[in-house]
Amino acid sequence: MSGPDNISKVERLRLRDGGRCWLCNEPMQFNAPPNSAKAPTLEHLVAQCHEGPSTLANLVLCHPRCNRLLADKPLAQKIKMREKRRRKAWEASLRTTAER
């Protein structure tokens, strides 16, 4: 992703992906103190210990807790975790709609 050099990686990722956590899809608070619950952190999809680069293509934004849950797991496992969480949220929204 190209852009002016004065735009931080966090801002570039926010513009690319929106303002939600990659894992839980809950909103980020970009003005929150670092490492607070809703603050953005950089997550490497392919972990650095698995030789993942620090390029924008390999980075996403996550809440600190979500980042710790993803840790250095393989990418396929991270994607499964994300899909499971998204499926649970979708099912919960269906139940809520059906109860109305």
PDB file of N, CA and C in Angstrom:
ATOM      1  N   MET A   1       0.852  -1.166   0.000  1.00  0.00           N
ATOM      2  CA  MET A   1       0.000   0.000   0.000  1.00  0.00           C
ATOM      3  C   MET A   1       0.897   1.229   0.000  1.00  0.00           C
ATOM      4  N   SER A   2       0.714   2.071  -0.954  1.00  0.00           N
ATOM      5  CA  SER A   2       1.541   3.271  -1.031  1.00  0.00           C
ATOM      6  C   SER A   2       0.816   4.433  -0.366  1.00  0.00           C
ATOM      7  N   GLY A   3       1.549   5.480  -0.134  1.00  0.00           N
ATOM      8  CA  GLY A   3       0.979   6.669   0.483  1.00  0.00           C
ATOM      9  C   GLY A   3       2.085   7.548   0.995  1.00  0.00           C
ATOM     10  N   PRO A   4       1.710   8.711   1.491  1.00  0.00           N
ATOM     11  CA  PRO A   4       2.726   9.609   2.027  1.00  0.00           C
ATOM     12  C   PRO A   4       3.507   8.949   3.156  1.00  0.00           C
ATOM     13  N   ASP A   5       4.788   9.268   3.230  1.00  0.00           N
ATOM     14  CA  ASP A   5       5.656   8.675   4.246  1.00  0.00           C
ATOM     15  C   ASP A   5       5.280   9.084   5.667  1.00  0.00           C
ATOM     16  N   ASN A   6       4.551  10.191   5.814  1.00  0.00           N
ATOM     17  CA  ASN A   6       4.222  10.663   7.158  1.00  0.00           C
ATOM     18  C   ASN A   6       2.985   9.970   7.741  1.00  0.00           C
ATOM     19  N   ILE A   7       2.388   9.038   7.028  1.00  0.00           N
ATOM     20  CA  ILE A   7       1.249   8.295   7.555  1.00  0.00           C
ATOM     21  C   ILE A   7       1.783   7.028   8.224  1.00  0.00           C
ATOM     22  N   SER A   8       1.418   6.822   9.474  1.00  0.00           N
ATOM     23  CA  SER A   8       1.918   5.679  10.232  1.00  0.00           C
ATOM     24  C   SER A   8       1.351   4.371   9.679  1.00  0.00           C
ATOM     25  N   LYS A   9       1.982   3.264  10.047  1.00  0.00           N
ATOM     26  CA  LYS A   9       1.478   1.954   9.644  1.00  0.00           C
ATOM     27  C   LYS A   9       0.062   1.751  10.168  1.00  0.00           C
ATOM     28  N   VAL A  10      -0.183   2.184  11.397  1.00  0.00           N
ATOM     29  CA  VAL A  10      -1.525   2.028  11.976  1.00  0.00           C
ATOM     30  C   VAL A  10      -2.550   2.765  11.120  1.00  0.00           C
ATOM     31  N   GLU A  11      -2.250   3.991  10.724  1.00  0.00           N
ATOM     32  CA  GLU A  11      -3.186   4.764   9.903  1.00  0.00           C
ATOM     33  C   GLU A  11      -3.376   4.126   8.525  1.00  0.00           C
ATOM     34  N   ARG A  12      -2.305   3.617   7.940  1.00  0.00           N
ATOM     35  CA  ARG A  12      -2.415   2.952   6.638  1.00  0.00           C
ATOM     36  C   ARG A  12      -3.291   1.708   6.748  1.00  0.00           C
ATOM     37  N   LEU A  13      -3.094   0.936   7.820  1.00  0.00           N
ATOM     38  CA  LEU A  13      -3.916  -0.263   8.014  1.00  0.00           C
ATOM     39  C   LEU A  13      -5.368   0.108   8.301  1.00  0.00           C
ATOM     40  N   ARG A  14      -5.569   1.178   9.044  1.00  0.00           N
ATOM     41  CA  ARG A  14      -6.937   1.655   9.320  1.00  0.00           C
ATOM     42  C   ARG A  14      -7.636   2.054   8.026  1.00  0.00           C
ATOM     43  N   LEU A  15      -6.922   2.745   7.162  1.00  0.00           N
ATOM     44  CA  LEU A  15      -7.498   3.129   5.869  1.00  0.00           C
ATOM     45  C   LEU A  15      -7.782   1.902   5.000  1.00  0.00           C
ATOM     46  N   ARG A  16      -6.886   0.934   5.049  1.00  0.00           N
ATOM     47  CA  ARG A  16      -7.049  -0.269   4.235  1.00  0.00           C
ATOM     48  C   ARG A  16      -8.174  -1.173   4.742  1.00  0.00           C
ATOM     49  N   ASP A  17      -8.194  -1.414   6.075  1.00  0.00           N
ATOM     50  CA  ASP A  17      -9.065  -2.441   6.640  1.00  0.00           C
ATOM     51  C   ASP A  17     -10.256  -1.910   7.420  1.00  0.00           C
ATOM     52  N   GLY A  18     -10.286  -0.625   7.696  1.00  0.00           N
ATOM     53  CA  GLY A  18     -11.347  -0.079   8.535  1.00  0.00           C
ATOM     54  C   GLY A  18     -10.910  -0.057   9.988  1.00  0.00           C
ATOM     55  N   GLY A  19     -11.766   0.348  10.843  1.00  0.00           N
ATOM     56  CA  GLY A  19     -11.419   0.555  12.237  1.00  0.00           C
ATOM     57  C   GLY A  19     -11.821  -0.567  13.169  1.00  0.00           C
ATOM     58  N   ARG A  20     -11.779  -1.804  12.681  1.00  0.00           N
ATOM     59  CA  ARG A  20     -12.195  -2.941  13.503  1.00  0.00           C
ATOM     60  C   ARG A  20     -11.063  -3.938  13.666  1.00  0.00           C
ATOM     61  N   CYS A  21     -11.110  -4.656  14.773  1.00  0.00           N
ATOM     62  CA  CYS A  21     -10.111  -5.679  15.071  1.00  0.00           C
ATOM     63  C   CYS A  21     -10.217  -6.826  14.063  1.00  0.00           C
ATOM     64  N   TRP A  22      -9.081  -7.290  13.596  1.00  0.00           N
ATOM     65  CA  TRP A  22      -9.055  -8.373  12.612  1.00  0.00           C
ATOM     66  C   TRP A  22      -9.672  -9.649  13.176  1.00  0.00           C
ATOM     67  N   LEU A  23      -9.439  -9.938  14.451  1.00  0.00           N
ATOM     68  CA  LEU A  23      -9.930 -11.191  15.033  1.00  0.00           C
ATOM     69  C   LEU A  23     -11.389 -11.094  15.464  1.00  0.00           C
ATOM     70  N   CYS A  24     -11.725 -10.148  16.312  1.00  0.00           N
ATOM     71  CA  CYS A  24     -13.074 -10.117  16.907  1.00  0.00           C
ATOM     72  C   CYS A  24     -14.050  -9.210  16.170  1.00  0.00           C
ATOM     73  N   ASN A  25     -13.565  -8.378  15.283  1.00  0.00           N
ATOM     74  CA  ASN A  25     -14.379  -7.465  14.485  1.00  0.00           C
ATOM     75  C   ASN A  25     -15.056  -6.374  15.320  1.00  0.00           C
ATOM     76  N   GLU A  26     -14.603  -6.184  16.547  1.00  0.00           N
ATOM     77  CA  GLU A  26     -15.119  -5.097  17.383  1.00  0.00           C
ATOM     78  C   GLU A  26     -14.348  -3.823  17.053  1.00  0.00           C
ATOM     79  N   PRO A  27     -14.967  -2.651  17.279  1.00  0.00           N
ATOM     80  CA  PRO A  27     -14.283  -1.398  16.941  1.00  0.00           C
ATOM     81  C   PRO A  27     -13.020  -1.165  17.773  1.00  0.00           C
ATOM     82  N   MET A  28     -12.074  -0.475  17.140  1.00  0.00           N
ATOM     83  CA  MET A  28     -10.848  -0.049  17.807  1.00  0.00           C
ATOM     84  C   MET A  28     -11.060   1.382  18.292  1.00  0.00           C
ATOM     85  N   GLN A  29     -10.315   1.770  19.306  1.00  0.00           N
ATOM     86  CA  GLN A  29     -10.299   3.156  19.760  1.00  0.00           C
ATOM     87  C   GLN A  29      -8.895   3.697  19.482  1.00  0.00           C
ATOM     88  N   PHE A  30      -8.791   4.456  18.415  1.00  0.00           N
ATOM     89  CA  PHE A  30      -7.485   4.909  17.947  1.00  0.00           C
ATOM     90  C   PHE A  30      -6.878   6.004  18.824  1.00  0.00           C
ATOM     91  N   ASN A  31      -7.686   6.594  19.691  1.00  0.00           N
ATOM     92  CA  ASN A  31      -7.154   7.601  20.616  1.00  0.00           C
ATOM     93  C   ASN A  31      -6.951   7.015  22.012  1.00  0.00           C
ATOM     94  N   ALA A  32      -7.129   5.714  22.178  1.00  0.00           N
ATOM     95  CA  ALA A  32      -6.965   5.058  23.483  1.00  0.00           C
ATOM     96  C   ALA A  32      -5.484   4.972  23.846  1.00  0.00           C
ATOM     97  N   PRO A  33      -5.189   4.945  25.144  1.00  0.00           N
ATOM     98  CA  PRO A  33      -3.794   4.764  25.560  1.00  0.00           C
ATOM     99  C   PRO A  33      -3.253   3.437  25.044  1.00  0.00           C
ATOM    100  N   PRO A  34      -1.978   3.377  24.696  1.00  0.00           N
ATOM    101  CA  PRO A  34      -1.395   2.123  24.196  1.00  0.00           C
ATOM    102  C   PRO A  34      -1.649   0.962  25.156  1.00  0.00           C
ATOM    103  N   ASN A  35      -1.961  -0.181  24.584  1.00  0.00           N
ATOM    104  CA  ASN A  35      -2.222  -1.434  25.309  1.00  0.00           C
ATOM    105  C   ASN A  35      -3.471  -1.421  26.172  1.00  0.00           C
ATOM    106  N   SER A  36      -4.306  -0.380  26.084  1.00  0.00           N
ATOM    107  CA  SER A  36      -5.598  -0.451  26.753  1.00  0.00           C
ATOM    108  C   SER A  36      -6.487  -1.392  25.938  1.00  0.00           C
ATOM    109  N   ALA A  37      -7.585  -1.817  26.487  1.00  0.00           N
ATOM    110  CA  ALA A  37      -8.385  -2.909  25.920  1.00  0.00           C
ATOM    111  C   ALA A  37      -8.788  -2.709  24.454  1.00  0.00           C
ATOM    112  N   LYS A  38      -9.137  -1.515  24.066  1.00  0.00           N
ATOM    113  CA  LYS A  38      -9.629  -1.277  22.701  1.00  0.00           C
ATOM    114  C   LYS A  38      -8.608  -0.587  21.794  1.00  0.00           C
ATOM    115  N   ALA A  39      -7.387  -0.415  22.280  1.00  0.00           N
ATOM    116  CA  ALA A  39      -6.332   0.246  21.492  1.00  0.00           C
ATOM    117  C   ALA A  39      -5.864  -0.671  20.358  1.00  0.00           C
ATOM    118  N   PRO A  40      -5.422  -0.103  19.249  1.00  0.00           N
ATOM    119  CA  PRO A  40      -4.907  -0.930  18.156  1.00  0.00           C
ATOM    120  C   PRO A  40      -3.476  -1.405  18.419  1.00  0.00           C
ATOM    121  N   THR A  41      -3.206  -2.635  18.045  1.00  0.00           N
ATOM    122  CA  THR A  41      -1.842  -3.164  18.026  1.00  0.00           C
ATOM    123  C   THR A  41      -1.619  -3.786  16.655  1.00  0.00           C
ATOM    124  N   LEU A  42      -0.364  -3.933  16.281  1.00  0.00           N
ATOM    125  CA  LEU A  42      -0.026  -4.555  15.007  1.00  0.00           C
ATOM    126  C   LEU A  42       0.141  -6.057  15.205  1.00  0.00           C
ATOM    127  N   GLU A  43      -0.544  -6.830  14.405  1.00  0.00           N
ATOM    128  CA  GLU A  43      -0.445  -8.290  14.433  1.00  0.00           C
ATOM    129  C   GLU A  43       0.147  -8.756  13.110  1.00  0.00           C
ATOM    130  N   HIS A  44       1.154  -9.606  13.179  1.00  0.00           N
ATOM    131  CA  HIS A  44       1.728 -10.226  11.984  1.00  0.00           C
ATOM    132  C   HIS A  44       0.914 -11.474  11.662  1.00  0.00           C
ATOM    133  N   LEU A  45       0.328 -11.543  10.475  1.00  0.00           N
ATOM    134  CA  LEU A  45      -0.440 -12.733  10.102  1.00  0.00           C
ATOM    135  C   LEU A  45       0.464 -13.955  10.062  1.00  0.00           C
ATOM    136  N   VAL A  46       1.593 -13.839   9.398  1.00  0.00           N
ATOM    137  CA  VAL A  46       2.634 -14.857   9.483  1.00  0.00           C
ATOM    138  C   VAL A  46       3.604 -14.318  10.521  1.00  0.00           C
ATOM    139  N   ALA A  47       3.657 -14.992  11.665  1.00  0.00           N
ATOM    140  CA  ALA A  47       4.427 -14.504  12.807  1.00  0.00           C
ATOM    141  C   ALA A  47       5.898 -14.292  12.449  1.00  0.00           C
ATOM    142  N   GLN A  48       6.505 -13.345  13.118  1.00  0.00           N
ATOM    143  CA  GLN A  48       7.917 -13.058  12.878  1.00  0.00           C
ATOM    144  C   GLN A  48       8.790 -14.273  13.180  1.00  0.00           C
ATOM    145  N   CYS A  49       8.410 -15.085  14.167  1.00  0.00           N
ATOM    146  CA  CYS A  49       9.203 -16.281  14.476  1.00  0.00           C
ATOM    147  C   CYS A  49       9.094 -17.331  13.368  1.00  0.00           C
ATOM    148  N   HIS A  50       8.110 -17.155  12.479  1.00  0.00           N
ATOM    149  CA  HIS A  50       7.971 -18.029  11.304  1.00  0.00           C
ATOM    150  C   HIS A  50       8.447 -17.301  10.053  1.00  0.00           C
ATOM    151  N   GLU A  51       9.281 -16.275  10.279  1.00  0.00           N
ATOM    152  CA  GLU A  51       9.889 -15.481   9.210  1.00  0.00           C
ATOM    153  C   GLU A  51       8.905 -14.587   8.456  1.00  0.00           C
ATOM    154  N   GLY A  52       7.823 -14.208   9.132  1.00  0.00           N
ATOM    155  CA  GLY A  52       6.866 -13.278   8.541  1.00  0.00           C
ATOM    156  C   GLY A  52       7.439 -11.875   8.494  1.00  0.00           C
ATOM    157  N   PRO A  53       7.273 -11.186   7.375  1.00  0.00           N
ATOM    158  CA  PRO A  53       7.828  -9.837   7.245  1.00  0.00           C
ATOM    159  C   PRO A  53       6.972  -8.800   7.965  1.00  0.00           C
ATOM    160  N   SER A  54       7.544  -7.643   8.192  1.00  0.00           N
ATOM    161  CA  SER A  54       6.814  -6.526   8.802  1.00  0.00           C
ATOM    162  C   SER A  54       6.262  -5.593   7.733  1.00  0.00           C
ATOM    163  N   THR A  55       5.878  -6.141   6.607  1.00  0.00           N
ATOM    164  CA  THR A  55       5.289  -5.353   5.525  1.00  0.00           C
ATOM    165  C   THR A  55       3.796  -5.192   5.780  1.00  0.00           C
ATOM    166  N   LEU A  56       3.209  -4.172   5.188  1.00  0.00           N
ATOM    167  CA  LEU A  56       1.774  -3.936   5.364  1.00  0.00           C
ATOM    168  C   LEU A  56       0.936  -5.132   4.906  1.00  0.00           C
ATOM    169  N   ALA A  57       1.405  -5.854   3.905  1.00  0.00           N
ATOM    170  CA  ALA A  57       0.661  -7.013   3.409  1.00  0.00           C
ATOM    171  C   ALA A  57       0.543  -8.109   4.464  1.00  0.00           C
ATOM    172  N   ASN A  58       1.451  -8.146   5.428  1.00  0.00           N
ATOM    173  CA  ASN A  58       1.451  -9.178   6.469  1.00  0.00           C
ATOM    174  C   ASN A  58       0.946  -8.654   7.809  1.00  0.00           C
ATOM    175  N   LEU A  59       0.507  -7.413   7.869  1.00  0.00           N
ATOM    176  CA  LEU A  59       0.066  -6.809   9.124  1.00  0.00           C
ATOM    177  C   LEU A  59      -1.423  -6.526   9.119  1.00  0.00           C
ATOM    178  N   VAL A  60      -2.031  -6.677  10.295  1.00  0.00           N
ATOM    179  CA  VAL A  60      -3.425  -6.296  10.528  1.00  0.00           C
ATOM    180  C   VAL A  60      -3.495  -5.639  11.903  1.00  0.00           C
ATOM    181  N   LEU A  61      -4.606  -4.977  12.189  1.00  0.00           N
ATOM    182  CA  LEU A  61      -4.817  -4.360  13.491  1.00  0.00           C
ATOM    183  C   LEU A  61      -5.634  -5.280  14.377  1.00  0.00           C
ATOM    184  N   CYS A  62      -5.222  -5.407  15.633  1.00  0.00           N
ATOM    185  CA  CYS A  62      -5.937  -6.215  16.625  1.00  0.00           C
ATOM    186  C   CYS A  62      -5.923  -5.502  17.962  1.00  0.00           C
ATOM    187  N   HIS A  63      -6.930  -5.807  18.778  1.00  0.00           N
ATOM    188  CA  HIS A  63      -6.886  -5.379  20.178  1.00  0.00           C
ATOM    189  C   HIS A  63      -5.742  -6.128  20.862  1.00  0.00           C
ATOM    190  N   PRO A  64      -5.186  -5.575  21.931  1.00  0.00           N
ATOM    191  CA  PRO A  64      -4.089  -6.270  22.622  1.00  0.00           C
ATOM    192  C   PRO A  64      -4.440  -7.698  23.038  1.00  0.00           C
ATOM    193  N   ARG A  65      -5.639  -7.913  23.583  1.00  0.00           N
ATOM    194  CA  ARG A  65      -6.032  -9.263  24.006  1.00  0.00           C
ATOM    195  C   ARG A  65      -6.107 -10.211  22.803  1.00  0.00           C
ATOM    196  N   CYS A  66      -6.694  -9.739  21.717  1.00  0.00           N
ATOM    197  CA  CYS A  66      -6.802 -10.569  20.509  1.00  0.00           C
ATOM    198  C   CYS A  66      -5.420 -10.885  19.951  1.00  0.00           C
ATOM    199  N   ASN A  67      -4.532  -9.911  19.997  1.00  0.00           N
ATOM    200  CA  ASN A  67      -3.169 -10.105  19.533  1.00  0.00           C
ATOM    201  C   ASN A  67      -2.491 -11.211  20.349  1.00  0.00           C
ATOM    202  N   ARG A  68      -2.681 -11.180  21.672  1.00  0.00           N
ATOM    203  CA  ARG A  68      -2.090 -12.225  22.521  1.00  0.00           C
ATOM    204  C   ARG A  68      -2.698 -13.596  22.227  1.00  0.00           C
ATOM    205  N   LEU A  69      -3.992 -13.648  21.931  1.00  0.00           N
ATOM    206  CA  LEU A  69      -4.631 -14.929  21.601  1.00  0.00           C
ATOM    207  C   LEU A  69      -4.058 -15.513  20.302  1.00  0.00           C
ATOM    208  N   LEU A  70      -3.790 -14.645  19.345  1.00  0.00           N
ATOM    209  CA  LEU A  70      -3.255 -15.112  18.061  1.00  0.00           C
ATOM    210  C   LEU A  70      -1.799 -15.537  18.197  1.00  0.00           C
ATOM    211  N   ALA A  71      -1.057 -14.829  19.029  1.00  0.00           N
ATOM    212  CA  ALA A  71       0.344 -15.138  19.342  1.00  0.00           C
ATOM    213  C   ALA A  71       1.134 -15.505  18.086  1.00  0.00           C
ATOM    214  N   ASP A  72       1.852 -16.619  18.136  1.00  0.00           N
ATOM    215  CA  ASP A  72       2.675 -17.041  16.995  1.00  0.00           C
ATOM    216  C   ASP A  72       2.084 -18.274  16.312  1.00  0.00           C
ATOM    217  N   LYS A  73       0.760 -18.380  16.375  1.00  0.00           N
ATOM    218  CA  LYS A  73       0.095 -19.516  15.729  1.00  0.00           C
ATOM    219  C   LYS A  73       0.279 -19.438  14.206  1.00  0.00           C
ATOM    220  N   PRO A  74       0.198 -20.577  13.530  1.00  0.00           N
ATOM    221  CA  PRO A  74       0.266 -20.559  12.061  1.00  0.00           C
ATOM    222  C   PRO A  74      -0.931 -19.799  11.479  1.00  0.00           C
ATOM    223  N   LEU A  75      -0.745 -19.239  10.319  1.00  0.00           N
ATOM    224  CA  LEU A  75      -1.772 -18.433   9.674  1.00  0.00           C
ATOM    225  C   LEU A  75      -3.082 -19.197   9.526  1.00  0.00           C
ATOM    226  N   ALA A  76      -3.032 -20.448   9.123  1.00  0.00           N
ATOM    227  CA  ALA A  76      -4.264 -21.231   8.944  1.00  0.00           C
ATOM    228  C   ALA A  76      -5.052 -21.318  10.249  1.00  0.00           C
ATOM    229  N   GLN A  77      -4.366 -21.475  11.368  1.00  0.00           N
ATOM    230  CA  GLN A  77      -5.046 -21.545  12.661  1.00  0.00           C
ATOM    231  C   GLN A  77      -5.644 -20.188  13.029  1.00  0.00           C
ATOM    232  N   LYS A  78      -4.943 -19.108  12.725  1.00  0.00           N
ATOM    233  CA  LYS A  78      -5.462 -17.762  12.989  1.00  0.00           C
ATOM    234  C   LYS A  78      -6.746 -17.528  12.194  1.00  0.00           C
ATOM    235  N   ILE A  79      -6.749 -17.956  10.948  1.00  0.00           N
ATOM    236  CA  ILE A  79      -7.935 -17.772  10.108  1.00  0.00           C
ATOM    237  C   ILE A  79      -9.098 -18.594  10.659  1.00  0.00           C
ATOM    238  N   LYS A  80      -8.847 -19.815  11.115  1.00  0.00           N
ATOM    239  CA  LYS A  80      -9.907 -20.637  11.713  1.00  0.00           C
ATOM    240  C   LYS A  80     -10.470 -19.978  12.968  1.00  0.00           C
ATOM    241  N   MET A  81      -9.592 -19.419  13.790  1.00  0.00           N
ATOM    242  CA  MET A  81     -10.048 -18.721  14.998  1.00  0.00           C
ATOM    243  C   MET A  81     -10.961 -17.555  14.626  1.00  0.00           C
ATOM    244  N   ARG A  82     -10.566 -16.817  13.609  1.00  0.00           N
ATOM    245  CA  ARG A  82     -11.352 -15.661  13.166  1.00  0.00           C
ATOM    246  C   ARG A  82     -12.710 -16.106  12.635  1.00  0.00           C
ATOM    247  N   GLU A  83     -12.713 -17.127  11.801  1.00  0.00           N
ATOM    248  CA  GLU A  83     -13.974 -17.619  11.234  1.00  0.00           C
ATOM    249  C   GLU A  83     -14.910 -18.120  12.327  1.00  0.00           C
ATOM    250  N   LYS A  84     -14.375 -18.811  13.326  1.00  0.00           N
ATOM    251  CA  LYS A  84     -15.189 -19.336  14.427  1.00  0.00           C
ATOM    252  C   LYS A  84     -15.843 -18.190  15.199  1.00  0.00           C
ATOM    253  N   ARG A  85     -15.061 -17.146  15.499  1.00  0.00           N
ATOM    254  CA  ARG A  85     -15.610 -15.995  16.219  1.00  0.00           C
ATOM    255  C   ARG A  85     -16.678 -15.282  15.387  1.00  0.00           C
ATOM    256  N   ARG A  86     -16.405 -15.117  14.108  1.00  0.00           N
ATOM    257  CA  ARG A  86     -17.374 -14.429  13.249  1.00  0.00           C
ATOM    258  C   ARG A  86     -18.659 -15.246  13.114  1.00  0.00           C
ATOM    259  N   ARG A  87     -18.523 -16.572  13.028  1.00  0.00           N
ATOM    260  CA  ARG A  87     -19.698 -17.445  12.925  1.00  0.00           C
ATOM    261  C   ARG A  87     -20.542 -17.353  14.196  1.00  0.00           C
ATOM    262  N   LYS A  88     -19.890 -17.365  15.367  1.00  0.00           N
ATOM    263  CA  LYS A  88     -20.613 -17.244  16.635  1.00  0.00           C
ATOM    264  C   LYS A  88     -21.361 -15.917  16.712  1.00  0.00           C
ATOM    265  N   ALA A  89     -20.725 -14.837  16.296  1.00  0.00           N
ATOM    266  CA  ALA A  89     -21.369 -13.520  16.321  1.00  0.00           C
ATOM    267  C   ALA A  89     -22.555 -13.496  15.366  1.00  0.00           C
ATOM    268  N   TRP A  90     -22.400 -14.107  14.198  1.00  0.00           N
ATOM    269  CA  TRP A  90     -23.484 -14.152  13.217  1.00  0.00           C
ATOM    270  C   TRP A  90     -24.659 -14.964  13.767  1.00  0.00           C
ATOM    271  N   GLU A  91     -24.361 -16.119  14.374  1.00  0.00           N
ATOM    272  CA  GLU A  91     -25.421 -16.949  14.947  1.00  0.00           C
ATOM    273  C   GLU A  91     -26.140 -16.217  16.069  1.00  0.00           C
ATOM    274  N   ALA A  92     -25.411 -15.497  16.896  1.00  0.00           N
ATOM    275  CA  ALA A  92     -26.020 -14.725  17.975  1.00  0.00           C
ATOM    276  C   ALA A  92     -26.939 -13.638  17.418  1.00  0.00           C
ATOM    277  N   SER A  93     -26.522 -13.003  16.328  1.00  0.00           N
ATOM    278  CA  SER A  93     -27.367 -11.969  15.732  1.00  0.00           C
ATOM    279  C   SER A  93     -28.641 -12.566  15.144  1.00  0.00           C
ATOM    280  N   LEU A  94     -28.559 -13.787  14.623  1.00  0.00           N
ATOM    281  CA  LEU A  94     -29.754 -14.459  14.106  1.00  0.00           C
ATOM    282  C   LEU A  94     -30.723 -14.769  15.238  1.00  0.00           C
ATOM    283  N   ARG A  95     -30.183 -15.255  16.369  1.00  0.00           N
ATOM    284  CA  ARG A  95     -31.043 -15.555  17.528  1.00  0.00           C
ATOM    285  C   ARG A  95     -31.725 -14.293  18.032  1.00  0.00           C
ATOM    286  N   THR A  96     -30.988 -13.200  18.096  1.00  0.00           N
ATOM    287  CA  THR A  96     -31.548 -11.938  18.550  1.00  0.00           C
ATOM    288  C   THR A  96     -32.666 -11.475  17.632  1.00  0.00           C
ATOM    289  N   THR A  97     -32.451 -11.608  16.331  1.00  0.00           N
ATOM    290  CA  THR A  97     -33.457 -11.210  15.358  1.00  0.00           C
ATOM    291  C   THR A  97     -34.687 -12.105  15.467  1.00  0.00           C
ATOM    292  N   ALA A  98     -34.507 -13.393  15.658  1.00  0.00           N
ATOM    293  CA  ALA A  98     -35.626 -14.340  15.752  1.00  0.00           C
ATOM    294  C   ALA A  98     -36.440 -14.104  17.016  1.00  0.00           C
ATOM    295  N   GLU A  99     -35.801 -13.622  18.075  1.00  0.00           N
ATOM    296  CA  GLU A  99     -36.505 -13.380  19.342  1.00  0.00           C
ATOM    297  C   GLU A  99     -37.382 -12.134  19.313  1.00  0.00           C
ATOM    298  N   ARG A 100     -37.168 -11.282  18.344  1.00  0.00           N
ATOM    299  CA  ARG A 100     -37.941 -10.034  18.273  1.00  0.00           C
ATOM    300  C   ARG A 100     -39.323 -10.255  17.743  1.00  0.00           C
TER     301      ARG A 100
END
